[in-house]
Amino acid sequence: MKTFASLVAALSVSLAAGAASAQEARVQWGDLDLSSAAGADAFDARVAAAASRMCRGVKRPGSRISDRAFCRTAFRDEAVRQLPGSAQVDYALSRLPLIA
């Protein structure tokens, strides 16, 4: 397992939940080997859980229509974007299909 000892072990993700307010969630990833499928799966599960909490009641701007799917996707994309470069590469490579 790779150790990210020199990196911060928490990922801060900010997502606007409304025009005037912002929320923050922390997704721990420092204990995961993002280069492995199991580590990337665990990261995805943590991000999904945080996104579910953050995206409760989110509505489309100017609408009463719920937009949880868009919010969760945006949350996940932002979480991956905020990973350090090498962790992003490890994560992306672990998501490639295996070719036999």
PDB file of N, CA and C in Angstrom:
ATOM      1  N   MET A   1       0.842  -1.176   0.000  1.00  0.00           N
ATOM      2  CA  MET A   1       0.000   0.000   0.000  1.00  0.00           C
ATOM      3  C   MET A   1       0.883   1.234   0.000  1.00  0.00           C
ATOM      4  N   LYS A   2       0.573   2.168  -0.829  1.00  0.00           N
ATOM      5  CA  LYS A   2       1.332   3.408  -0.862  1.00  0.00           C
ATOM      6  C   LYS A   2       0.976   4.244   0.352  1.00  0.00           C
ATOM      7  N   THR A   3       1.974   4.946   0.846  1.00  0.00           N
ATOM      8  CA  THR A   3       1.747   5.807   1.988  1.00  0.00           C
ATOM      9  C   THR A   3       1.830   7.248   1.535  1.00  0.00           C
ATOM     10  N   PHE A   4       0.860   8.016   1.896  1.00  0.00           N
ATOM     11  CA  PHE A   4       0.850   9.432   1.559  1.00  0.00           C
ATOM     12  C   PHE A   4       1.186  10.232   2.815  1.00  0.00           C
ATOM     13  N   ALA A   5       2.296   9.877   3.478  1.00  0.00           N
ATOM     14  CA  ALA A   5       2.647  10.471   4.759  1.00  0.00           C
ATOM     15  C   ALA A   5       2.855  11.975   4.662  1.00  0.00           C
ATOM     16  N   SER A   6       3.363  12.447   3.538  1.00  0.00           N
ATOM     17  CA  SER A   6       3.642  13.869   3.427  1.00  0.00           C
ATOM     18  C   SER A   6       2.424  14.669   2.979  1.00  0.00           C
ATOM     19  N   LEU A   7       1.332  13.987   2.705  1.00  0.00           N
ATOM     20  CA  LEU A   7       0.132  14.662   2.228  1.00  0.00           C
ATOM     21  C   LEU A   7      -0.905  14.749   3.334  1.00  0.00           C
ATOM     22  N   VAL A   8      -1.759  15.701   3.236  1.00  0.00           N
ATOM     23  CA  VAL A   8      -2.857  15.826   4.179  1.00  0.00           C
ATOM     24  C   VAL A   8      -3.771  14.627   4.004  1.00  0.00           C
ATOM     25  N   ALA A   9      -4.214  14.042   5.082  1.00  0.00           N
ATOM     26  CA  ALA A   9      -5.009  12.815   5.022  1.00  0.00           C
ATOM     27  C   ALA A   9      -6.490  13.069   4.848  1.00  0.00           C
ATOM     28  N   ALA A  10      -6.873  14.299   4.724  1.00  0.00           N
ATOM     29  CA  ALA A  10      -8.292  14.601   4.542  1.00  0.00           C
ATOM     30  C   ALA A  10      -8.478  15.456   3.313  1.00  0.00           C
ATOM     31  N   LEU A  11      -9.576  15.266   2.686  1.00  0.00           N
ATOM     32  CA  LEU A  11      -9.915  16.013   1.484  1.00  0.00           C
ATOM     33  C   LEU A  11     -11.080  16.918   1.817  1.00  0.00           C
ATOM     34  N   SER A  12     -10.909  18.197   1.627  1.00  0.00           N
ATOM     35  CA  SER A  12     -12.005  19.122   1.875  1.00  0.00           C
ATOM     36  C   SER A  12     -12.712  19.384   0.568  1.00  0.00           C
ATOM     37  N   VAL A  13     -13.988  19.244   0.618  1.00  0.00           N
ATOM     38  CA  VAL A  13     -14.804  19.468  -0.566  1.00  0.00           C
ATOM     39  C   VAL A  13     -15.880  20.470  -0.193  1.00  0.00           C
ATOM     40  N   SER A  14     -15.921  21.564  -0.901  1.00  0.00           N
ATOM     41  CA  SER A  14     -16.981  22.535  -0.674  1.00  0.00           C
ATOM     42  C   SER A  14     -17.957  22.454  -1.824  1.00  0.00           C
ATOM     43  N   LEU A  15     -19.216  22.520  -1.481  1.00  0.00           N
ATOM     44  CA  LEU A  15     -20.259  22.450  -2.486  1.00  0.00           C
ATOM     45  C   LEU A  15     -21.349  23.415  -2.087  1.00  0.00           C
ATOM     46  N   ALA A  16     -21.688  24.306  -2.982  1.00  0.00           N
ATOM     47  CA  ALA A  16     -22.752  25.257  -2.673  1.00  0.00           C
ATOM     48  C   ALA A  16     -24.078  24.519  -2.612  1.00  0.00           C
ATOM     49  N   ALA A  17     -24.753  24.633  -1.493  1.00  0.00           N
ATOM     50  CA  ALA A  17     -26.050  23.983  -1.336  1.00  0.00           C
ATOM     51  C   ALA A  17     -27.170  24.974  -1.606  1.00  0.00           C
ATOM     52  N   GLY A  18     -26.831  26.187  -1.753  1.00  0.00           N
ATOM     53  CA  GLY A  18     -27.802  27.224  -2.048  1.00  0.00           C
ATOM     54  C   GLY A  18     -27.041  28.461  -2.464  1.00  0.00           C
ATOM     55  N   ALA A  19     -27.735  29.452  -2.920  1.00  0.00           N
ATOM     56  CA  ALA A  19     -27.077  30.648  -3.415  1.00  0.00           C
ATOM     57  C   ALA A  19     -26.304  31.360  -2.318  1.00  0.00           C
ATOM     58  N   ALA A  20     -26.813  31.314  -1.080  1.00  0.00           N
ATOM     59  CA  ALA A  20     -26.186  32.092  -0.024  1.00  0.00           C
ATOM     60  C   ALA A  20     -25.371  31.252   0.946  1.00  0.00           C
ATOM     61  N   SER A  21     -25.452  29.944   0.874  1.00  0.00           N
ATOM     62  CA  SER A  21     -24.744  29.133   1.854  1.00  0.00           C
ATOM     63  C   SER A  21     -23.858  28.109   1.183  1.00  0.00           C
ATOM     64  N   ALA A  22     -22.831  27.705   1.914  1.00  0.00           N
ATOM     65  CA  ALA A  22     -21.942  26.651   1.427  1.00  0.00           C
ATOM     66  C   ALA A  22     -21.736  25.668   2.569  1.00  0.00           C
ATOM     67  N   GLN A  23     -21.565  24.424   2.243  1.00  0.00           N
ATOM     68  CA  GLN A  23     -21.309  23.387   3.227  1.00  0.00           C
ATOM     69  C   GLN A  23     -19.959  22.787   2.923  1.00  0.00           C
ATOM     70  N   GLU A  24     -19.414  22.084   3.887  1.00  0.00           N
ATOM     71  CA  GLU A  24     -18.130  21.430   3.677  1.00  0.00           C
ATOM     72  C   GLU A  24     -18.220  20.008   4.184  1.00  0.00           C
ATOM     73  N   ALA A  25     -17.594  19.113   3.457  1.00  0.00           N
ATOM     74  CA  ALA A  25     -17.506  17.715   3.871  1.00  0.00           C
ATOM     75  C   ALA A  25     -16.045  17.308   3.800  1.00  0.00           C
ATOM     76  N   ARG A  26     -15.650  16.411   4.666  1.00  0.00           N
ATOM     77  CA  ARG A  26     -14.282  15.895   4.654  1.00  0.00           C
ATOM     78  C   ARG A  26     -14.349  14.416   4.326  1.00  0.00           C
ATOM     79  N   VAL A  27     -13.598  14.027   3.318  1.00  0.00           N
ATOM     80  CA  VAL A  27     -13.541  12.636   2.890  1.00  0.00           C
ATOM     81  C   VAL A  27     -12.120  12.150   3.146  1.00  0.00           C
ATOM     82  N   GLN A  28     -11.975  11.233   4.075  1.00  0.00           N
ATOM     83  CA  GLN A  28     -10.664  10.679   4.401  1.00  0.00           C
ATOM     84  C   GLN A  28     -10.212   9.752   3.275  1.00  0.00           C
ATOM     85  N   TRP A  29      -8.971   9.882   2.847  1.00  0.00           N
ATOM     86  CA  TRP A  29      -8.465   9.021   1.790  1.00  0.00           C
ATOM     87  C   TRP A  29      -7.021   8.594   2.035  1.00  0.00           C
ATOM     88  N   GLY A  30      -6.350   9.185   2.989  1.00  0.00           N
ATOM     89  CA  GLY A  30      -4.929   8.920   3.218  1.00  0.00           C
ATOM     90  C   GLY A  30      -4.612   7.486   3.585  1.00  0.00           C
ATOM     91  N   ASP A  31      -5.596   6.762   4.097  1.00  0.00           N
ATOM     92  CA  ASP A  31      -5.376   5.371   4.493  1.00  0.00           C
ATOM     93  C   ASP A  31      -5.654   4.392   3.361  1.00  0.00           C
ATOM     94  N   LEU A  32      -6.002   4.909   2.177  1.00  0.00           N
ATOM     95  CA  LEU A  32      -6.372   4.057   1.043  1.00  0.00           C
ATOM     96  C   LEU A  32      -5.274   3.996  -0.003  1.00  0.00           C
ATOM     97  N   ASP A  33      -5.159   2.862  -0.641  1.00  0.00           N
ATOM     98  CA  ASP A  33      -4.261   2.701  -1.794  1.00  0.00           C
ATOM     99  C   ASP A  33      -5.115   2.922  -3.036  1.00  0.00           C
ATOM    100  N   LEU A  34      -5.115   4.144  -3.532  1.00  0.00           N
ATOM    101  CA  LEU A  34      -5.968   4.490  -4.665  1.00  0.00           C
ATOM    102  C   LEU A  34      -5.524   3.841  -5.964  1.00  0.00           C
ATOM    103  N   SER A  35      -4.363   3.212  -5.965  1.00  0.00           N
ATOM    104  CA  SER A  35      -3.910   2.523  -7.176  1.00  0.00           C
ATOM    105  C   SER A  35      -4.516   1.125  -7.281  1.00  0.00           C
ATOM    106  N   SER A  36      -5.199   0.689  -6.240  1.00  0.00           N
ATOM    107  CA  SER A  36      -5.849  -0.625  -6.278  1.00  0.00           C
ATOM    108  C   SER A  36      -7.354  -0.432  -6.464  1.00  0.00           C
ATOM    109  N   ALA A  37      -7.985  -1.407  -7.060  1.00  0.00           N
ATOM    110  CA  ALA A  37      -9.435  -1.347  -7.252  1.00  0.00           C
ATOM    111  C   ALA A  37     -10.155  -1.277  -5.910  1.00  0.00           C
ATOM    112  N   ALA A  38      -9.673  -2.023  -4.929  1.00  0.00           N
ATOM    113  CA  ALA A  38     -10.314  -2.028  -3.611  1.00  0.00           C
ATOM    114  C   ALA A  38     -10.209  -0.653  -2.949  1.00  0.00           C
ATOM    115  N   GLY A  39      -9.044  -0.028  -3.050  1.00  0.00           N
ATOM    116  CA  GLY A  39      -8.859   1.301  -2.475  1.00  0.00           C
ATOM    117  C   GLY A  39      -9.711   2.344  -3.171  1.00  0.00           C
ATOM    118  N   ALA A  40      -9.770   2.278  -4.497  1.00  0.00           N
ATOM    119  CA  ALA A  40     -10.599   3.217  -5.261  1.00  0.00           C
ATOM    120  C   ALA A  40     -12.080   2.990  -4.953  1.00  0.00           C
ATOM    121  N   ASP A  41     -12.482   1.725  -4.782  1.00  0.00           N
ATOM    122  CA  ASP A  41     -13.873   1.424  -4.425  1.00  0.00           C
ATOM    123  C   ASP A  41     -14.221   2.004  -3.058  1.00  0.00           C
ATOM    124  N   ALA A  42     -13.290   1.881  -2.113  1.00  0.00           N
ATOM    125  CA  ALA A  42     -13.515   2.432  -0.776  1.00  0.00           C
ATOM    126  C   ALA A  42     -13.621   3.956  -0.837  1.00  0.00           C
ATOM    127  N   PHE A  43     -12.756   4.584  -1.645  1.00  0.00           N
ATOM    128  CA  PHE A  43     -12.829   6.037  -1.831  1.00  0.00           C
ATOM    129  C   PHE A  43     -14.181   6.418  -2.431  1.00  0.00           C
ATOM    130  N   ASP A  44     -14.607   5.700  -3.458  1.00  0.00           N
ATOM    131  CA  ASP A  44     -15.905   5.973  -4.087  1.00  0.00           C
ATOM    132  C   ASP A  44     -17.042   5.851  -3.073  1.00  0.00           C
ATOM    133  N   ALA A  45     -16.984   4.845  -2.214  1.00  0.00           N
ATOM    134  CA  ALA A  45     -18.033   4.653  -1.209  1.00  0.00           C
ATOM    135  C   ALA A  45     -18.059   5.815  -0.212  1.00  0.00           C
ATOM    136  N   ARG A  46     -16.875   6.274   0.197  1.00  0.00           N
ATOM    137  CA  ARG A  46     -16.808   7.407   1.127  1.00  0.00           C
ATOM    138  C   ARG A  46     -17.340   8.680   0.479  1.00  0.00           C
ATOM    139  N   VAL A  47     -16.970   8.890  -0.777  1.00  0.00           N
ATOM    140  CA  VAL A  47     -17.447  10.073  -1.495  1.00  0.00           C
ATOM    141  C   VAL A  47     -18.961   9.998  -1.676  1.00  0.00           C
ATOM    142  N   ALA A  48     -19.474   8.826  -2.033  1.00  0.00           N
ATOM    143  CA  ALA A  48     -20.918   8.660  -2.222  1.00  0.00           C
ATOM    144  C   ALA A  48     -21.678   8.929  -0.926  1.00  0.00           C
ATOM    145  N   ALA A  49     -21.149   8.460   0.196  1.00  0.00           N
ATOM    146  CA  ALA A  49     -21.807   8.693   1.481  1.00  0.00           C
ATOM    147  C   ALA A  49     -21.815  10.183   1.825  1.00  0.00           C
ATOM    148  N   ALA A  50     -20.691  10.846   1.609  1.00  0.00           N
ATOM    149  CA  ALA A  50     -20.624  12.287   1.874  1.00  0.00           C
ATOM    150  C   ALA A  50     -21.532  13.058   0.925  1.00  0.00           C
ATOM    151  N   ALA A  51     -21.569  12.644  -0.328  1.00  0.00           N
ATOM    152  CA  ALA A  51     -22.425  13.319  -1.312  1.00  0.00           C
ATOM    153  C   ALA A  51     -23.896  13.156  -0.948  1.00  0.00           C
ATOM    154  N   SER A  52     -24.272  11.996  -0.454  1.00  0.00           N
ATOM    155  CA  SER A  52     -25.669  11.784  -0.050  1.00  0.00           C
ATOM    156  C   SER A  52     -26.054  12.745   1.072  1.00  0.00           C
ATOM    157  N   ARG A  53     -25.146  12.932   2.019  1.00  0.00           N
ATOM    158  CA  ARG A  53     -25.425  13.872   3.112  1.00  0.00           C
ATOM    159  C   ARG A  53     -25.480  15.309   2.604  1.00  0.00           C
ATOM    160  N   MET A  54     -24.534  15.665   1.741  1.00  0.00           N
ATOM    161  CA  MET A  54     -24.435  17.046   1.266  1.00  0.00           C
ATOM    162  C   MET A  54     -25.547  17.416   0.294  1.00  0.00           C
ATOM    163  N   CYS A  55     -26.068  16.463  -0.418  1.00  0.00           N
ATOM    164  CA  CYS A  55     -27.012  16.759  -1.496  1.00  0.00           C
ATOM    165  C   CYS A  55     -28.474  16.595  -1.097  1.00  0.00           C
ATOM    166  N   ARG A  56     -28.727  16.396   0.170  1.00  0.00           N
ATOM    167  CA  ARG A  56     -30.124  16.301   0.625  1.00  0.00           C
ATOM    168  C   ARG A  56     -30.818  17.637   0.371  1.00  0.00           C
ATOM    169  N   GLY A  57     -31.954  17.581  -0.244  1.00  0.00           N
ATOM    170  CA  GLY A  57     -32.754  18.774  -0.436  1.00  0.00           C
ATOM    171  C   GLY A  57     -32.224  19.767  -1.451  1.00  0.00           C
ATOM    172  N   VAL A  58     -31.220  19.392  -2.215  1.00  0.00           N
ATOM    173  CA  VAL A  58     -30.671  20.313  -3.208  1.00  0.00           C
ATOM    174  C   VAL A  58     -31.652  20.439  -4.365  1.00  0.00           C
ATOM    175  N   LYS A  59     -31.905  21.654  -4.735  1.00  0.00           N
ATOM    176  CA  LYS A  59     -32.832  21.934  -5.834  1.00  0.00           C
ATOM    177  C   LYS A  59     -32.076  22.615  -6.969  1.00  0.00           C
ATOM    178  N   ARG A  60     -32.609  22.481  -8.164  1.00  0.00           N
ATOM    179  CA  ARG A  60     -32.048  23.209  -9.299  1.00  0.00           C
ATOM    180  C   ARG A  60     -32.197  24.698  -9.025  1.00  0.00           C
ATOM    181  N   PRO A  61     -31.214  25.497  -9.411  1.00  0.00           N
ATOM    182  CA  PRO A  61     -31.341  26.944  -9.197  1.00  0.00           C
ATOM    183  C   PRO A  61     -32.613  27.482  -9.842  1.00  0.00           C
ATOM    184  N   GLY A  62     -33.392  28.238  -9.065  1.00  0.00           N
ATOM    185  CA  GLY A  62     -34.614  28.841  -9.570  1.00  0.00           C
ATOM    186  C   GLY A  62     -35.753  27.860  -9.774  1.00  0.00           C
ATOM    187  N   SER A  63     -35.673  26.690  -9.136  1.00  0.00           N
ATOM    188  CA  SER A  63     -36.677  25.658  -9.367  1.00  0.00           C
ATOM    189  C   SER A  63     -36.995  24.938  -8.063  1.00  0.00           C
ATOM    190  N   ARG A  64     -38.100  24.235  -8.070  1.00  0.00           N
ATOM    191  CA  ARG A  64     -38.451  23.373  -6.935  1.00  0.00           C
ATOM    192  C   ARG A  64     -38.096  21.916  -7.215  1.00  0.00           C
ATOM    193  N   ILE A  65     -37.517  21.678  -8.373  1.00  0.00           N
ATOM    194  CA  ILE A  65     -37.177  20.320  -8.790  1.00  0.00           C
ATOM    195  C   ILE A  65     -35.868  19.889  -8.127  1.00  0.00           C
ATOM    196  N   SER A  66     -35.884  18.712  -7.543  1.00  0.00           N
ATOM    197  CA  SER A  66     -34.690  18.165  -6.920  1.00  0.00           C
ATOM    198  C   SER A  66     -33.637  17.854  -7.979  1.00  0.00           C
ATOM    199  N   ASP A  67     -32.405  18.079  -7.638  1.00  0.00           N
ATOM    200  CA  ASP A  67     -31.309  17.794  -8.567  1.00  0.00           C
ATOM    201  C   ASP A  67     -30.200  17.050  -7.834  1.00  0.00           C
ATOM    202  N   ARG A  68     -30.578  16.019  -7.084  1.00  0.00           N
ATOM    203  CA  ARG A  68     -29.601  15.254  -6.302  1.00  0.00           C
ATOM    204  C   ARG A  68     -28.597  14.536  -7.199  1.00  0.00           C
ATOM    205  N   ALA A  69     -29.044  14.018  -8.334  1.00  0.00           N
ATOM    206  CA  ALA A  69     -28.118  13.285  -9.215  1.00  0.00           C
ATOM    207  C   ALA A  69     -27.015  14.211  -9.709  1.00  0.00           C
ATOM    208  N   PHE A  70     -27.376  15.414 -10.141  1.00  0.00           N
ATOM    209  CA  PHE A  70     -26.367  16.368 -10.595  1.00  0.00           C
ATOM    210  C   PHE A  70     -25.441  16.744  -9.447  1.00  0.00           C
ATOM    211  N   CYS A  71     -26.014  16.975  -8.271  1.00  0.00           N
ATOM    212  CA  CYS A  71     -25.226  17.352  -7.103  1.00  0.00           C
ATOM    213  C   CYS A  71     -24.220  16.260  -6.752  1.00  0.00           C
ATOM    214  N   ARG A  72     -24.654  15.016  -6.742  1.00  0.00           N
ATOM    215  CA  ARG A  72     -23.753  13.902  -6.403  1.00  0.00           C
ATOM    216  C   ARG A  72     -22.619  13.774  -7.423  1.00  0.00           C
ATOM    217  N   THR A  73     -22.952  13.945  -8.696  1.00  0.00           N
ATOM    218  CA  THR A  73     -21.921  13.875  -9.734  1.00  0.00           C
ATOM    219  C   THR A  73     -20.927  15.014  -9.576  1.00  0.00           C
ATOM    220  N   ALA A  74     -21.426  16.209  -9.335  1.00  0.00           N
ATOM    221  CA  ALA A  74     -20.544  17.373  -9.144  1.00  0.00           C
ATOM    222  C   ALA A  74     -19.677  17.188  -7.907  1.00  0.00           C
ATOM    223  N   PHE A  75     -20.244  16.632  -6.853  1.00  0.00           N
ATOM    224  CA  PHE A  75     -19.508  16.387  -5.620  1.00  0.00           C
ATOM    225  C   PHE A  75     -18.373  15.397  -5.866  1.00  0.00           C
ATOM    226  N   ARG A  76     -18.680  14.299  -6.564  1.00  0.00           N
ATOM    227  CA  ARG A  76     -17.667  13.290  -6.864  1.00  0.00           C
ATOM    228  C   ARG A  76     -16.550  13.864  -7.725  1.00  0.00           C
ATOM    229  N   ASP A  77     -16.931  14.608  -8.761  1.00  0.00           N
ATOM    230  CA  ASP A  77     -15.927  15.213  -9.642  1.00  0.00           C
ATOM    231  C   ASP A  77     -15.024  16.163  -8.873  1.00  0.00           C
ATOM    232  N   GLU A  78     -15.598  16.942  -7.964  1.00  0.00           N
ATOM    233  CA  GLU A  78     -14.809  17.887  -7.178  1.00  0.00           C
ATOM    234  C   GLU A  78     -13.898  17.147  -6.198  1.00  0.00           C
ATOM    235  N   ALA A  79     -14.384  16.065  -5.614  1.00  0.00           N
ATOM    236  CA  ALA A  79     -13.555  15.278  -4.691  1.00  0.00           C
ATOM    237  C   ALA A  79     -12.329  14.724  -5.406  1.00  0.00           C
ATOM    238  N   VAL A  80     -12.517  14.178  -6.586  1.00  0.00           N
ATOM    239  CA  VAL A  80     -11.393  13.635  -7.355  1.00  0.00           C
ATOM    240  C   VAL A  80     -10.463  14.764  -7.793  1.00  0.00           C
ATOM    241  N   ARG A  81     -11.023  15.899  -8.192  1.00  0.00           N
ATOM    242  CA  ARG A  81     -10.221  17.042  -8.629  1.00  0.00           C
ATOM    243  C   ARG A  81      -9.321  17.551  -7.503  1.00  0.00           C
ATOM    244  N   GLN A  82      -9.786  17.457  -6.268  1.00  0.00           N
ATOM    245  CA  GLN A  82      -9.008  17.973  -5.150  1.00  0.00           C
ATOM    246  C   GLN A  82      -7.949  16.994  -4.632  1.00  0.00           C
ATOM    247  N   LEU A  83      -7.940  15.784  -5.143  1.00  0.00           N
ATOM    248  CA  LEU A  83      -6.846  14.868  -4.780  1.00  0.00           C
ATOM    249  C   LEU A  83      -5.543  15.404  -5.362  1.00  0.00           C
ATOM    250  N   PRO A  84      -4.420  15.160  -4.684  1.00  0.00           N
ATOM    251  CA  PRO A  84      -3.127  15.538  -5.278  1.00  0.00           C
ATOM    252  C   PRO A  84      -2.930  14.814  -6.613  1.00  0.00           C
ATOM    253  N   GLY A  85      -2.131  15.379  -7.497  1.00  0.00           N
ATOM    254  CA  GLY A  85      -1.929  14.843  -8.844  1.00  0.00           C
ATOM    255  C   GLY A  85      -1.600  13.366  -8.892  1.00  0.00           C
ATOM    256  N   SER A  86      -0.660  12.922  -8.068  1.00  0.00           N
ATOM    257  CA  SER A  86      -0.270  11.509  -8.106  1.00  0.00           C
ATOM    258  C   SER A  86      -1.416  10.613  -7.646  1.00  0.00           C
ATOM    259  N   ALA A  87      -2.203  11.070  -6.682  1.00  0.00           N
ATOM    260  CA  ALA A  87      -3.348  10.292  -6.223  1.00  0.00           C
ATOM    261  C   ALA A  87      -4.432  10.252  -7.303  1.00  0.00           C
ATOM    262  N   GLN A  88      -4.590  11.343  -8.034  1.00  0.00           N
ATOM    263  CA  GLN A  88      -5.549  11.358  -9.145  1.00  0.00           C
ATOM    264  C   GLN A  88      -5.155  10.334 -10.203  1.00  0.00           C
ATOM    265  N   VAL A  89      -3.869  10.280 -10.512  1.00  0.00           N
ATOM    266  CA  VAL A  89      -3.386   9.326 -11.512  1.00  0.00           C
ATOM    267  C   VAL A  89      -3.605   7.897 -11.030  1.00  0.00           C
ATOM    268  N   ASP A  90      -3.234   7.622  -9.774  1.00  0.00           N
ATOM    269  CA  ASP A  90      -3.444   6.278  -9.221  1.00  0.00           C
ATOM    270  C   ASP A  90      -4.915   5.888  -9.281  1.00  0.00           C
ATOM    271  N   TYR A  91      -5.778   6.811  -8.893  1.00  0.00           N
ATOM    272  CA  TYR A  91      -7.214   6.548  -8.898  1.00  0.00           C
ATOM    273  C   TYR A  91      -7.707   6.274 -10.324  1.00  0.00           C
ATOM    274  N   ALA A  92      -7.305   7.124 -11.257  1.00  0.00           N
ATOM    275  CA  ALA A  92      -7.755   6.965 -12.651  1.00  0.00           C
ATOM    276  C   ALA A  92      -7.279   5.636 -13.234  1.00  0.00           C
ATOM    277  N   LEU A  93      -6.025   5.276 -12.970  1.00  0.00           N
ATOM    278  CA  LEU A  93      -5.500   4.015 -13.495  1.00  0.00           C
ATOM    279  C   LEU A  93      -6.209   2.808 -12.893  1.00  0.00           C
ATOM    280  N   SER A  94      -6.601   2.912 -11.642  1.00  0.00           N
ATOM    281  CA  SER A  94      -7.302   1.786 -11.005  1.00  0.00           C
ATOM    282  C   SER A  94      -8.702   1.604 -11.572  1.00  0.00           C
ATOM    283  N   ARG A  95      -9.215   2.622 -12.231  1.00  0.00           N
ATOM    284  CA  ARG A  95     -10.553   2.568 -12.810  1.00  0.00           C
ATOM    285  C   ARG A  95     -10.563   2.049 -14.239  1.00  0.00           C
ATOM    286  N   LEU A  96      -9.386   1.868 -14.833  1.00  0.00           N
ATOM    287  CA  LEU A  96      -9.324   1.340 -16.206  1.00  0.00           C
ATOM    288  C   LEU A  96      -9.674  -0.137 -16.204  1.00  0.00           C
ATOM    289  N   PRO A  97     -10.382  -0.597 -17.223  1.00  0.00           N
ATOM    290  CA  PRO A  97     -10.711  -2.025 -17.286  1.00  0.00           C
ATOM    291  C   PRO A  97      -9.452  -2.853 -17.536  1.00  0.00           C
ATOM    292  N   LEU A  98      -9.445  -4.024 -16.945  1.00  0.00           N
ATOM    293  CA  LEU A  98      -8.328  -4.938 -17.167  1.00  0.00           C
ATOM    294  C   LEU A  98      -8.483  -5.606 -18.526  1.00  0.00           C
ATOM    295  N   ILE A  99      -7.402  -5.648 -19.270  1.00  0.00           N
ATOM    296  CA  ILE A  99      -7.412  -6.273 -20.597  1.00  0.00           C
ATOM    297  C   ILE A  99      -6.554  -7.525 -20.512  1.00  0.00           C
ATOM    298  N   ALA A 100      -7.141  -8.638 -20.848  1.00  0.00           N
ATOM    299  CA  ALA A 100      -6.404  -9.905 -20.744  1.00  0.00           C
ATOM    300  C   ALA A 100      -5.725 -10.236 -22.043  1.00  0.00           C
TER     301      ALA A 100
END
